[in-house]
Each structure stands twice: as C-alpha cells, then as structure tokens.
Amino acid sequence: MQTEKIPFNLILGKMIVTKEGKRLGCVKDVTFETRSGELINLVVKDSTIYTKNLNLEKSSFGELLIPYSAIIAIGDFVIVSEEDLI
C-alpha cells in the first residue's frame, strides 16, 4: 500500500479531531526522527478542554503531543483515534 505524501505546510493549522468528532486543538508543529525522517508526534496549539481527559505526553515546553500512531487520516481535519490516546 502506497501512502500519499502531504507537504508539511498543508498540515500546519489543521484542526485535530477524534473519529467521534471531539475537537482537540490545531496542529502547531510536528516532531520527527532526524535520521530516518519518521514522524513522531503532532504538537497541539489552542488545545481544548477535552484534552485534559486524555493522557497526552507534553513537550519540554509544556505543549501537548499527539503520537503519530494515533492518526487515522489527514484531509480537511487531522483525525485521530481516541482509543490510542487514553
């Protein structure tokens, strides 16, 4: 299966929602492994109150991180699996 490549600038600012439709915030940045280019996390900006119920890791700057493995799809929104965040 081949995956479509999406430029970084098209991901920035997209709303992050769960597959149930709960808004988590917007994409501020991404973290990745410099040697392989593998995506690690999405950095969340403008996080909603709903993120308080999730067990999300924080960056050294206190920003919420959503693991790349939780991403289901990227289109108009970044859709994540809530089960992978708890």
PDB file of N, CA and C in Angstrom:
ATOM      1  N   MET A   1       0.837  -1.177   0.000  1.00  0.00           N
ATOM      2  CA  MET A   1       0.000   0.000   0.000  1.00  0.00           C
ATOM      3  C   MET A   1       0.883   1.242   0.000  1.00  0.00           C
ATOM      4  N   GLN A   2       0.639   2.129  -0.936  1.00  0.00           N
ATOM      5  CA  GLN A   2       1.412   3.354  -1.025  1.00  0.00           C
ATOM      6  C   GLN A   2       0.618   4.482  -0.367  1.00  0.00           C
ATOM      7  N   THR A   3       1.311   5.300   0.435  1.00  0.00           N
ATOM      8  CA  THR A   3       0.635   6.404   1.101  1.00  0.00           C
ATOM      9  C   THR A   3       0.924   7.701   0.370  1.00  0.00           C
ATOM     10  N   GLU A   4      -0.067   8.575   0.372  1.00  0.00           N
ATOM     11  CA  GLU A   4       0.085   9.874  -0.275  1.00  0.00           C
ATOM     12  C   GLU A   4       0.925  10.780   0.614  1.00  0.00           C
ATOM     13  N   LYS A   5       1.823  11.512  -0.001  1.00  0.00           N
ATOM     14  CA  LYS A   5       2.663  12.441   0.749  1.00  0.00           C
ATOM     15  C   LYS A   5       1.959  13.789   0.828  1.00  0.00           C
ATOM     16  N   ILE A   6       1.951  14.350   2.038  1.00  0.00           N
ATOM     17  CA  ILE A   6       1.312  15.646   2.273  1.00  0.00           C
ATOM     18  C   ILE A   6       2.384  16.612   2.738  1.00  0.00           C
ATOM     19  N   PRO A   7       2.542  17.751   2.051  1.00  0.00           N
ATOM     20  CA  PRO A   7       3.553  18.730   2.478  1.00  0.00           C
ATOM     21  C   PRO A   7       3.269  19.250   3.884  1.00  0.00           C
ATOM     22  N   PHE A   8       4.332  19.498   4.615  1.00  0.00           N
ATOM     23  CA  PHE A   8       4.265  19.968   5.996  1.00  0.00           C
ATOM     24  C   PHE A   8       3.379  21.212   6.138  1.00  0.00           C
ATOM     25  N   ASN A   9       3.530  22.172   5.223  1.00  0.00           N
ATOM     26  CA  ASN A   9       2.779  23.425   5.353  1.00  0.00           C
ATOM     27  C   ASN A   9       1.272  23.224   5.193  1.00  0.00           C
ATOM     28  N   LEU A  10       0.840  22.113   4.597  1.00  0.00           N
ATOM     29  CA  LEU A  10      -0.594  21.849   4.480  1.00  0.00           C
ATOM     30  C   LEU A  10      -1.170  21.222   5.756  1.00  0.00           C
ATOM     31  N   ILE A  11      -0.321  20.702   6.611  1.00  0.00           N
ATOM     32  CA  ILE A  11      -0.771  20.118   7.877  1.00  0.00           C
ATOM     33  C   ILE A  11      -0.879  21.183   8.966  1.00  0.00           C
ATOM     34  N   LEU A  12       0.022  22.159   8.941  1.00  0.00           N
ATOM     35  CA  LEU A  12       0.024  23.207   9.964  1.00  0.00           C
ATOM     36  C   LEU A  12      -1.320  23.929  10.014  1.00  0.00           C
ATOM     37  N   GLY A  13      -1.821  24.112  11.220  1.00  0.00           N
ATOM     38  CA  GLY A  13      -3.067  24.846  11.423  1.00  0.00           C
ATOM     39  C   GLY A  13      -4.323  24.014  11.280  1.00  0.00           C
ATOM     40  N   LYS A  14      -4.219  22.766  10.815  1.00  0.00           N
ATOM     41  CA  LYS A  14      -5.415  21.926  10.675  1.00  0.00           C
ATOM     42  C   LYS A  14      -5.975  21.572  12.045  1.00  0.00           C
ATOM     43  N   MET A  15      -7.292  21.518  12.117  1.00  0.00           N
ATOM     44  CA  MET A  15      -7.979  21.121  13.342  1.00  0.00           C
ATOM     45  C   MET A  15      -7.761  19.629  13.565  1.00  0.00           C
ATOM     46  N   ILE A  16      -7.470  19.248  14.819  1.00  0.00           N
ATOM     47  CA  ILE A  16      -7.304  17.850  15.198  1.00  0.00           C
ATOM     48  C   ILE A  16      -8.589  17.414  15.890  1.00  0.00           C
ATOM     49  N   VAL A  17      -9.207  16.358  15.362  1.00  0.00           N
ATOM     50  CA  VAL A  17     -10.455  15.852  15.931  1.00  0.00           C
ATOM     51  C   VAL A  17     -10.353  14.340  16.107  1.00  0.00           C
ATOM     52  N   THR A  18     -11.127  13.829  17.060  1.00  0.00           N
ATOM     53  CA  THR A  18     -11.208  12.381  17.222  1.00  0.00           C
ATOM     54  C   THR A  18     -12.177  11.851  16.172  1.00  0.00           C
ATOM     55  N   LYS A  19     -12.166  10.544  15.959  1.00  0.00           N
ATOM     56  CA  LYS A  19     -13.087   9.976  14.976  1.00  0.00           C
ATOM     57  C   LYS A  19     -14.538  10.117  15.426  1.00  0.00           C
ATOM     58  N   GLU A  20     -14.742  10.420  16.713  1.00  0.00           N
ATOM     59  CA  GLU A  20     -16.083  10.692  17.238  1.00  0.00           C
ATOM     60  C   GLU A  20     -16.479  12.156  17.049  1.00  0.00           C
ATOM     61  N   GLY A  21     -15.544  12.983  16.571  1.00  0.00           N
ATOM     62  CA  GLY A  21     -15.841  14.390  16.286  1.00  0.00           C
ATOM     63  C   GLY A  21     -15.466  15.369  17.388  1.00  0.00           C
ATOM     64  N   LYS A  22     -14.771  14.926  18.412  1.00  0.00           N
ATOM     65  CA  LYS A  22     -14.371  15.827  19.501  1.00  0.00           C
ATOM     66  C   LYS A  22     -13.128  16.606  19.084  1.00  0.00           C
ATOM     67  N   ARG A  23     -13.183  17.908  19.217  1.00  0.00           N
ATOM     68  CA  ARG A  23     -12.053  18.758  18.839  1.00  0.00           C
ATOM     69  C   ARG A  23     -10.999  18.775  19.928  1.00  0.00           C
ATOM     70  N   LEU A  24      -9.720  18.604  19.503  1.00  0.00           N
ATOM     71  CA  LEU A  24      -8.619  18.590  20.454  1.00  0.00           C
ATOM     72  C   LEU A  24      -7.757  19.831  20.380  1.00  0.00           C
ATOM     73  N   GLY A  25      -7.736  20.502  19.248  1.00  0.00           N
ATOM     74  CA  GLY A  25      -6.895  21.675  19.028  1.00  0.00           C
ATOM     75  C   GLY A  25      -6.446  21.715  17.588  1.00  0.00           C
ATOM     76  N   CYS A  26      -5.377  22.454  17.319  1.00  0.00           N
ATOM     77  CA  CYS A  26      -4.838  22.587  15.968  1.00  0.00           C
ATOM     78  C   CYS A  26      -3.378  22.149  15.945  1.00  0.00           C
ATOM     79  N   VAL A  27      -2.908  21.804  14.751  1.00  0.00           N
ATOM     80  CA  VAL A  27      -1.517  21.388  14.588  1.00  0.00           C
ATOM     81  C   VAL A  27      -0.623  22.623  14.614  1.00  0.00           C
ATOM     82  N   LYS A  28       0.296  22.661  15.565  1.00  0.00           N
ATOM     83  CA  LYS A  28       1.262  23.744  15.660  1.00  0.00           C
ATOM     84  C   LYS A  28       2.567  23.368  14.968  1.00  0.00           C
ATOM     85  N   ASP A  29       2.962  22.091  15.123  1.00  0.00           N
ATOM     86  CA  ASP A  29       4.244  21.633  14.595  1.00  0.00           C
ATOM     87  C   ASP A  29       4.228  20.113  14.594  1.00  0.00           C
ATOM     88  N   VAL A  30       5.269  19.512  14.060  1.00  0.00           N
ATOM     89  CA  VAL A  30       5.458  18.066  14.135  1.00  0.00           C
ATOM     90  C   VAL A  30       6.860  17.789  14.661  1.00  0.00           C
ATOM     91  N   THR A  31       7.015  16.658  15.322  1.00  0.00           N
ATOM     92  CA  THR A  31       8.353  16.218  15.718  1.00  0.00           C
ATOM     93  C   THR A  31       8.666  14.975  14.908  1.00  0.00           C
ATOM     94  N   PHE A  32       9.939  14.819  14.566  1.00  0.00           N
ATOM     95  CA  PHE A  32      10.328  13.677  13.754  1.00  0.00           C
ATOM     96  C   PHE A  32      11.750  13.259  14.078  1.00  0.00           C
ATOM     97  N   GLU A  33      12.073  12.030  13.711  1.00  0.00           N
ATOM     98  CA  GLU A  33      13.411  11.474  13.876  1.00  0.00           C
ATOM     99  C   GLU A  33      14.271  12.021  12.745  1.00  0.00           C
ATOM    100  N   THR A  34      15.344  12.715  13.081  1.00  0.00           N
ATOM    101  CA  THR A  34      16.146  13.398  12.065  1.00  0.00           C
ATOM    102  C   THR A  34      16.867  12.442  11.123  1.00  0.00           C
ATOM    103  N   ARG A  35      17.258  11.286  11.593  1.00  0.00           N
ATOM    104  CA  ARG A  35      17.997  10.352  10.730  1.00  0.00           C
ATOM    105  C   ARG A  35      17.099   9.674   9.706  1.00  0.00           C
ATOM    106  N   SER A  36      15.931   9.231  10.158  1.00  0.00           N
ATOM    107  CA  SER A  36      15.051   8.471   9.265  1.00  0.00           C
ATOM    108  C   SER A  36      13.939   9.323   8.648  1.00  0.00           C
ATOM    109  N   GLY A  37      13.618  10.457   9.287  1.00  0.00           N
ATOM    110  CA  GLY A  37      12.508  11.281   8.823  1.00  0.00           C
ATOM    111  C   GLY A  37      11.165  10.792   9.331  1.00  0.00           C
ATOM    112  N   GLU A  38      11.187   9.771  10.174  1.00  0.00           N
ATOM    113  CA  GLU A  38       9.949   9.213  10.715  1.00  0.00           C
ATOM    114  C   GLU A  38       9.243  10.231  11.610  1.00  0.00           C
ATOM    115  N   LEU A  39       7.933  10.426  11.379  1.00  0.00           N
ATOM    116  CA  LEU A  39       7.153  11.336  12.216  1.00  0.00           C
ATOM    117  C   LEU A  39       6.925  10.700  13.582  1.00  0.00           C
ATOM    118  N   ILE A  40       7.065  11.507  14.624  1.00  0.00           N
ATOM    119  CA  ILE A  40       6.902  11.017  15.988  1.00  0.00           C
ATOM    120  C   ILE A  40       5.600  11.540  16.606  1.00  0.00           C
ATOM    121  N   ASN A  41       5.419  12.866  16.620  1.00  0.00           N
ATOM    122  CA  ASN A  41       4.264  13.486  17.270  1.00  0.00           C
ATOM    123  C   ASN A  41       3.768  14.693  16.498  1.00  0.00           C
ATOM    124  N   LEU A  42       2.505  15.043  16.751  1.00  0.00           N
ATOM    125  CA  LEU A  42       1.966  16.337  16.368  1.00  0.00           C
ATOM    126  C   LEU A  42       1.971  17.202  17.616  1.00  0.00           C
ATOM    127  N   VAL A  43       2.409  18.438  17.489  1.00  0.00           N
ATOM    128  CA  VAL A  43       2.384  19.396  18.595  1.00  0.00           C
ATOM    129  C   VAL A  43       1.069  20.158  18.489  1.00  0.00           C
ATOM    130  N   VAL A  44       0.328  20.239  19.585  1.00  0.00           N
ATOM    131  CA  VAL A  44      -1.009  20.834  19.600  1.00  0.00           C
ATOM    132  C   VAL A  44      -0.950  22.282  20.073  1.00  0.00           C
ATOM    133  N   LYS A  45      -1.655  23.151  19.354  1.00  0.00           N
ATOM    134  CA  LYS A  45      -1.849  24.528  19.834  1.00  0.00           C
ATOM    135  C   LYS A  45      -3.337  24.740  20.060  1.00  0.00           C
ATOM    136  N   ASP A  46      -3.668  25.692  20.884  1.00  0.00           N
ATOM    137  CA  ASP A  46      -5.068  26.011  21.195  1.00  0.00           C
ATOM    138  C   ASP A  46      -5.835  24.759  21.628  1.00  0.00           C
ATOM    139  N   SER A  47      -5.249  23.997  22.547  1.00  0.00           N
ATOM    140  CA  SER A  47      -5.898  22.755  22.987  1.00  0.00           C
ATOM    141  C   SER A  47      -7.229  23.061  23.669  1.00  0.00           C
ATOM    142  N   THR A  48      -8.168  22.159  23.482  1.00  0.00           N
ATOM    143  CA  THR A  48      -9.499  22.324  24.064  1.00  0.00           C
ATOM    144  C   THR A  48      -9.543  21.691  25.453  1.00  0.00           C
ATOM    145  N   ILE A  49     -10.605  21.947  26.152  1.00  0.00           N
ATOM    146  CA  ILE A  49     -10.795  21.402  27.495  1.00  0.00           C
ATOM    147  C   ILE A  49     -10.840  19.876  27.453  1.00  0.00           C
ATOM    148  N   TYR A  50     -11.244  19.308  26.328  1.00  0.00           N
ATOM    149  CA  TYR A  50     -11.348  17.858  26.218  1.00  0.00           C
ATOM    150  C   TYR A  50      -9.993  17.164  26.373  1.00  0.00           C
ATOM    151  N   THR A  51      -8.915  17.824  26.000  1.00  0.00           N
ATOM    152  CA  THR A  51      -7.589  17.202  26.090  1.00  0.00           C
ATOM    153  C   THR A  51      -7.182  16.918  27.529  1.00  0.00           C
ATOM    154  N   LYS A  52      -7.810  17.576  28.488  1.00  0.00           N
ATOM    155  CA  LYS A  52      -7.487  17.354  29.901  1.00  0.00           C
ATOM    156  C   LYS A  52      -7.844  15.933  30.336  1.00  0.00           C
ATOM    157  N   ASN A  53      -8.830  15.310  29.655  1.00  0.00           N
ATOM    158  CA  ASN A  53      -9.266  13.950  29.990  1.00  0.00           C
ATOM    159  C   ASN A  53      -8.375  12.885  29.362  1.00  0.00           C
ATOM    160  N   LEU A  54      -7.455  13.302  28.504  1.00  0.00           N
ATOM    161  CA  LEU A  54      -6.597  12.355  27.807  1.00  0.00           C
ATOM    162  C   LEU A  54      -5.218  12.316  28.453  1.00  0.00           C
ATOM    163  N   ASN A  55      -4.558  11.212  28.320  1.00  0.00           N
ATOM    164  CA  ASN A  55      -3.233  11.038  28.895  1.00  0.00           C
ATOM    165  C   ASN A  55      -2.180  11.385  27.844  1.00  0.00           C
ATOM    166  N   LEU A  56      -2.089  12.663  27.478  1.00  0.00           N
ATOM    167  CA  LEU A  56      -1.166  13.088  26.428  1.00  0.00           C
ATOM    168  C   LEU A  56       0.187  13.481  27.010  1.00  0.00           C
ATOM    169  N   GLU A  57       1.225  13.101  26.298  1.00  0.00           N
ATOM    170  CA  GLU A  57       2.586  13.481  26.667  1.00  0.00           C
ATOM    171  C   GLU A  57       2.749  14.982  26.424  1.00  0.00           C
ATOM    172  N   LYS A  58       3.677  15.604  27.141  1.00  0.00           N
ATOM    173  CA  LYS A  58       3.966  17.028  26.945  1.00  0.00           C
ATOM    174  C   LYS A  58       5.412  17.197  26.506  1.00  0.00           C
ATOM    175  N   SER A  59       5.636  18.228  25.686  1.00  0.00           N
ATOM    176  CA  SER A  59       6.996  18.547  25.253  1.00  0.00           C
ATOM    177  C   SER A  59       7.737  19.221  26.399  1.00  0.00           C
ATOM    178  N   SER A  60       9.014  19.480  26.195  1.00  0.00           N
ATOM    179  CA  SER A  60       9.797  20.170  27.221  1.00  0.00           C
ATOM    180  C   SER A  60       9.304  21.600  27.441  1.00  0.00           C
ATOM    181  N   PHE A  61       8.511  22.109  26.492  1.00  0.00           N
ATOM    182  CA  PHE A  61       7.935  23.449  26.614  1.00  0.00           C
ATOM    183  C   PHE A  61       6.514  23.411  27.158  1.00  0.00           C
ATOM    184  N   GLY A  62       6.037  22.215  27.549  1.00  0.00           N
ATOM    185  CA  GLY A  62       4.696  22.076  28.104  1.00  0.00           C
ATOM    186  C   GLY A  62       3.594  21.961  27.071  1.00  0.00           C
ATOM    187  N   GLU A  63       3.957  21.769  25.809  1.00  0.00           N
ATOM    188  CA  GLU A  63       2.958  21.648  24.745  1.00  0.00           C
ATOM    189  C   GLU A  63       2.485  20.195  24.656  1.00  0.00           C
ATOM    190  N   LEU A  64       1.197  20.013  24.391  1.00  0.00           N
ATOM    191  CA  LEU A  64       0.646  18.668  24.275  1.00  0.00           C
ATOM    192  C   LEU A  64       1.118  18.012  22.985  1.00  0.00           C
ATOM    193  N   LEU A  65       1.372  16.702  23.058  1.00  0.00           N
ATOM    194  CA  LEU A  65       1.850  15.936  21.909  1.00  0.00           C
ATOM    195  C   LEU A  65       0.886  14.794  21.617  1.00  0.00           C
ATOM    196  N   ILE A  66       0.545  14.642  20.348  1.00  0.00           N
ATOM    197  CA  ILE A  66      -0.289  13.531  19.916  1.00  0.00           C
ATOM    198  C   ILE A  66       0.591  12.592  19.104  1.00  0.00           C
ATOM    199  N   PRO A  67       0.686  11.326  19.505  1.00  0.00           N
ATOM    200  CA  PRO A  67       1.565  10.401  18.782  1.00  0.00           C
ATOM    201  C   PRO A  67       1.096  10.174  17.355  1.00  0.00           C
ATOM    202  N   TYR A  68       2.045  10.074  16.454  1.00  0.00           N
ATOM    203  CA  TYR A  68       1.741   9.854  15.047  1.00  0.00           C
ATOM    204  C   TYR A  68       0.934   8.571  14.855  1.00  0.00           C
ATOM    205  N   SER A  69       1.181   7.580  15.689  1.00  0.00           N
ATOM    206  CA  SER A  69       0.480   6.297  15.572  1.00  0.00           C
ATOM    207  C   SER A  69      -1.030   6.427  15.788  1.00  0.00           C
ATOM    208  N   ALA A  70      -1.483   7.519  16.410  1.00  0.00           N
ATOM    209  CA  ALA A  70      -2.911   7.714  16.667  1.00  0.00           C
ATOM    210  C   ALA A  70      -3.635   8.328  15.469  1.00  0.00           C
ATOM    211  N   ILE A  71      -2.888   8.814  14.468  1.00  0.00           N
ATOM    212  CA  ILE A  71      -3.509   9.468  13.311  1.00  0.00           C
ATOM    213  C   ILE A  71      -4.170   8.426  12.416  1.00  0.00           C
ATOM    214  N   ILE A  72      -5.441   8.672  12.100  1.00  0.00           N
ATOM    215  CA  ILE A  72      -6.192   7.792  11.207  1.00  0.00           C
ATOM    216  C   ILE A  72      -6.158   8.340   9.785  1.00  0.00           C
ATOM    217  N   ALA A  73      -6.385   9.648   9.642  1.00  0.00           N
ATOM    218  CA  ALA A  73      -6.451  10.265   8.312  1.00  0.00           C
ATOM    219  C   ALA A  73      -6.140  11.747   8.418  1.00  0.00           C
ATOM    220  N   ILE A  74      -5.682  12.296   7.291  1.00  0.00           N
ATOM    221  CA  ILE A  74      -5.453  13.738   7.182  1.00  0.00           C
ATOM    222  C   ILE A  74      -6.160  14.213   5.920  1.00  0.00           C
ATOM    223  N   GLY A  75      -7.060  15.144   6.098  1.00  0.00           N
ATOM    224  CA  GLY A  75      -7.809  15.744   4.997  1.00  0.00           C
ATOM    225  C   GLY A  75      -8.087  17.176   5.384  1.00  0.00           C
ATOM    226  N   ASP A  76      -9.369  17.528   5.451  1.00  0.00           N
ATOM    227  CA  ASP A  76      -9.733  18.856   5.953  1.00  0.00           C
ATOM    228  C   ASP A  76      -9.377  18.972   7.429  1.00  0.00           C
ATOM    229  N   PHE A  77      -9.393  17.839   8.124  1.00  0.00           N
ATOM    230  CA  PHE A  77      -9.035  17.746   9.534  1.00  0.00           C
ATOM    231  C   PHE A  77      -7.984  16.658   9.688  1.00  0.00           C
ATOM    232  N   VAL A  78      -7.292  16.675  10.828  1.00  0.00           N
ATOM    233  CA  VAL A  78      -6.438  15.547  11.207  1.00  0.00           C
ATOM    234  C   VAL A  78      -7.303  14.711  12.146  1.00  0.00           C
ATOM    235  N   ILE A  79      -7.603  13.495  11.736  1.00  0.00           N
ATOM    236  CA  ILE A  79      -8.477  12.624  12.523  1.00  0.00           C
ATOM    237  C   ILE A  79      -7.616  11.628  13.280  1.00  0.00           C
ATOM    238  N   VAL A  80      -7.858  11.540  14.592  1.00  0.00           N
ATOM    239  CA  VAL A  80      -7.081  10.633  15.438  1.00  0.00           C
ATOM    240  C   VAL A  80      -8.011   9.665  16.161  1.00  0.00           C
ATOM    241  N   SER A  81      -7.447   8.546  16.567  1.00  0.00           N
ATOM    242  CA  SER A  81      -8.174   7.548  17.319  1.00  0.00           C
ATOM    243  C   SER A  81      -8.060   7.868  18.808  1.00  0.00           C
ATOM    244  N   GLU A  82      -9.176   8.127  19.424  1.00  0.00           N
ATOM    245  CA  GLU A  82      -9.165   8.458  20.858  1.00  0.00           C
ATOM    246  C   GLU A  82      -8.672   7.274  21.686  1.00  0.00           C
ATOM    247  N   GLU A  83      -8.953   6.054  21.251  1.00  0.00           N
ATOM    248  CA  GLU A  83      -8.510   4.874  21.980  1.00  0.00           C
ATOM    249  C   GLU A  83      -6.987   4.820  22.089  1.00  0.00           C
ATOM    250  N   ASP A  84      -6.295   5.343  21.075  1.00  0.00           N
ATOM    251  CA  ASP A  84      -4.836   5.347  21.083  1.00  0.00           C
ATOM    252  C   ASP A  84      -4.249   6.456  21.954  1.00  0.00           C
ATOM    253  N   LEU A  85      -5.102   7.350  22.453  1.00  0.00           N
ATOM    254  CA  LEU A  85      -4.639   8.471  23.271  1.00  0.00           C
ATOM    255  C   LEU A  85      -4.853   8.240  24.753  1.00  0.00           C
ATOM    256  N   ILE A  86      -5.697   7.288  25.102  1.00  0.00           N
ATOM    257  CA  ILE A  86      -6.044   7.053  26.511  1.00  0.00           C
ATOM    258  C   ILE A  86      -5.065   6.100  27.139  1.00  0.00           C
TER     259      ILE A  86
END
